[in-house]
Structures are given as structure tokens and as C-alpha cells.
Amino acid sequence: MGVMAGIAVPDLDRVTDTEVGPPTSWQTVVWNDPVNLMSYVVHVFRTYFGFDADTAHRLMLSVHHDGHAVVARGPREVMEVHAQAMHDYGLWATVREDPR
């Protein structure tokens, strides 16, 4: 800190916070619901995310049997767009921080 007319002022030329961690990754999670057919969920996953039939089917089974599936990982803003798209298709989806 420098001193100016008896008042302590921060030394703005000195960098003190140089510790930068890796960017935080987020997940889009699709949740099971009592409304949508399994075939429709597969259709949404293939149409929106471009998953092949096997991947879409595997993720749909995770939603059905486990109650949810992580369908995408990445920056928060992108995951929020994906979650909104799932809502637009009538699916339940949330965004959460990736625990990895």
C-alpha cells in the first residue's frame, strides 16, 4: 500500500491475486417424469443433442431407472440453454455444478 497525504491507498500496480483455478464445469440433468413416453425422450435426445440411437436409448434408460441422467457438460451458460431446450420439449431438466 502506498501513502498519500496520510491516507493509506492500495498499490494498484501490484498484482496480488494470481491464483486461477480451472474453469468450473456444469451439467445439464434430465429427470424422470410421469408424463413423457420413453420413445419420446429418445427422440428428443437424438433430435436436440444429435446422439446416436444407442446413446439416446442408454441415457433414456438412466432417466427411467435411475431417475435422472447427465446429458451434457460444459460452461454454465450453454448448460442453461440446453435445460431450457429440454423444458421447451416438455422434459424436466436442471443445471448443476459438475462434481468432477
Protein backbone atom coordinates (compact mmCIF):
# COMPACT_ATOMS: atom_id res chain seq x y z
CA MET A 1 0.00 0.00 0.00
CA GLY A 2 1.17 3.48 -0.72
CA VAL A 3 0.62 6.53 1.46
CA MET A 4 -0.93 9.70 0.09
CA ALA A 5 -1.37 12.72 2.37
CA GLY A 6 -1.51 10.47 5.42
CA ILE A 7 -4.16 8.18 3.88
CA ALA A 8 -3.33 4.58 3.00
CA VAL A 9 -4.24 3.77 -0.59
CA PRO A 10 -3.86 0.44 -2.36
CA ASP A 11 -0.96 -0.03 -4.73
CA LEU A 12 -2.97 -0.77 -7.88
CA ASP A 13 0.08 -1.58 -9.98
CA ARG A 14 0.89 -4.68 -7.95
CA VAL A 15 -0.89 -7.93 -8.82
CA THR A 16 -1.66 -9.90 -5.68
CA ASP A 17 -4.33 -12.39 -6.73
CA THR A 18 -2.60 -14.58 -9.29
CA GLU A 19 -4.12 -17.90 -8.30
CA VAL A 20 -6.51 -19.00 -11.03
CA GLY A 21 -8.22 -22.36 -10.87
CA PRO A 22 -9.62 -24.38 -13.75
CA PRO A 23 -12.93 -23.14 -15.14
CA THR A 24 -15.95 -24.63 -13.42
CA SER A 25 -17.82 -27.20 -15.47
CA TRP A 26 -21.59 -27.61 -15.26
CA GLN A 27 -24.07 -30.36 -16.15
CA THR A 28 -27.49 -30.47 -17.73
CA VAL A 29 -29.51 -33.16 -15.95
CA VAL A 30 -32.76 -34.59 -17.32
CA TRP A 31 -35.11 -36.01 -14.69
CA ASN A 32 -37.71 -38.76 -14.88
CA ASP A 33 -41.33 -37.67 -15.08
CA PRO A 34 -44.65 -39.50 -15.18
CA VAL A 35 -45.75 -37.88 -18.44
CA ASN A 36 -43.35 -38.45 -21.33
CA LEU A 37 -43.01 -41.76 -23.15
CA MET A 38 -39.58 -43.38 -23.30
CA SER A 39 -39.68 -43.25 -27.09
CA TYR A 40 -40.29 -39.50 -26.94
CA VAL A 41 -37.30 -38.96 -24.63
CA VAL A 42 -35.11 -40.91 -27.08
CA HIS A 43 -36.49 -38.75 -29.91
CA VAL A 44 -35.64 -35.53 -28.01
CA PHE A 45 -32.11 -36.71 -27.20
CA ARG A 46 -31.49 -37.67 -30.83
CA THR A 47 -33.10 -34.54 -32.28
CA TYR A 48 -31.68 -31.90 -29.96
CA PHE A 49 -28.31 -33.33 -28.90
CA GLY A 50 -27.65 -35.38 -32.04
CA PHE A 51 -26.96 -38.56 -30.06
CA ASP A 52 -26.90 -41.83 -31.96
CA ALA A 53 -29.73 -44.29 -31.24
CA ASP A 54 -27.72 -46.38 -28.74
CA THR A 55 -26.53 -43.37 -26.71
CA ALA A 56 -30.00 -41.80 -26.66
CA HIS A 57 -31.53 -45.11 -25.58
CA ARG A 58 -28.92 -45.64 -22.83
CA LEU A 59 -29.48 -42.13 -21.45
CA MET A 60 -33.26 -42.58 -21.57
CA LEU A 61 -32.92 -45.82 -19.57
CA SER A 62 -30.82 -43.97 -16.99
CA VAL A 63 -33.55 -41.36 -16.70
CA HIS A 64 -36.19 -44.07 -16.39
CA HIS A 65 -34.40 -46.43 -13.97
CA ASP A 66 -32.11 -44.07 -12.00
CA GLY A 67 -34.43 -41.07 -12.02
CA HIS A 68 -32.05 -38.81 -13.96
CA ALA A 69 -29.20 -38.67 -16.45
CA VAL A 70 -26.46 -36.16 -17.20
CA VAL A 71 -26.92 -35.35 -20.88
CA ALA A 72 -24.33 -32.58 -21.31
CA ARG A 73 -21.31 -30.98 -19.61
CA GLY A 74 -19.77 -27.60 -20.24
CA PRO A 75 -19.98 -23.89 -19.43
CA ARG A 76 -22.93 -22.83 -17.30
CA GLU A 77 -24.49 -20.60 -19.95
CA VAL A 78 -24.53 -23.43 -22.50
CA MET A 79 -25.98 -25.87 -19.96
CA GLU A 80 -28.74 -23.37 -19.17
CA VAL A 81 -29.59 -23.19 -22.88
CA HIS A 82 -29.78 -27.00 -23.00
CA ALA A 83 -32.01 -27.12 -19.91
CA GLN A 84 -34.34 -24.53 -21.42
CA ALA A 85 -34.49 -26.53 -24.64
CA MET A 86 -35.45 -29.64 -22.64
CA HIS A 87 -38.21 -27.59 -20.98
CA ASP A 88 -39.38 -26.49 -24.42
CA TYR A 89 -39.66 -30.18 -25.36
CA GLY A 90 -41.66 -30.81 -22.17
CA LEU A 91 -38.91 -32.61 -20.24
CA TRP A 92 -37.79 -31.80 -16.70
CA ALA A 93 -34.17 -30.60 -16.63
CA THR A 94 -31.86 -28.73 -14.29
CA VAL A 95 -28.33 -27.35 -14.31
CA ARG A 96 -25.82 -28.21 -11.61
CA GLU A 97 -22.13 -27.82 -10.98
CA ASP A 98 -20.14 -30.80 -12.24
CA PRO A 99 -18.65 -32.55 -9.20
CA ARG A 100 -15.68 -33.85 -11.24
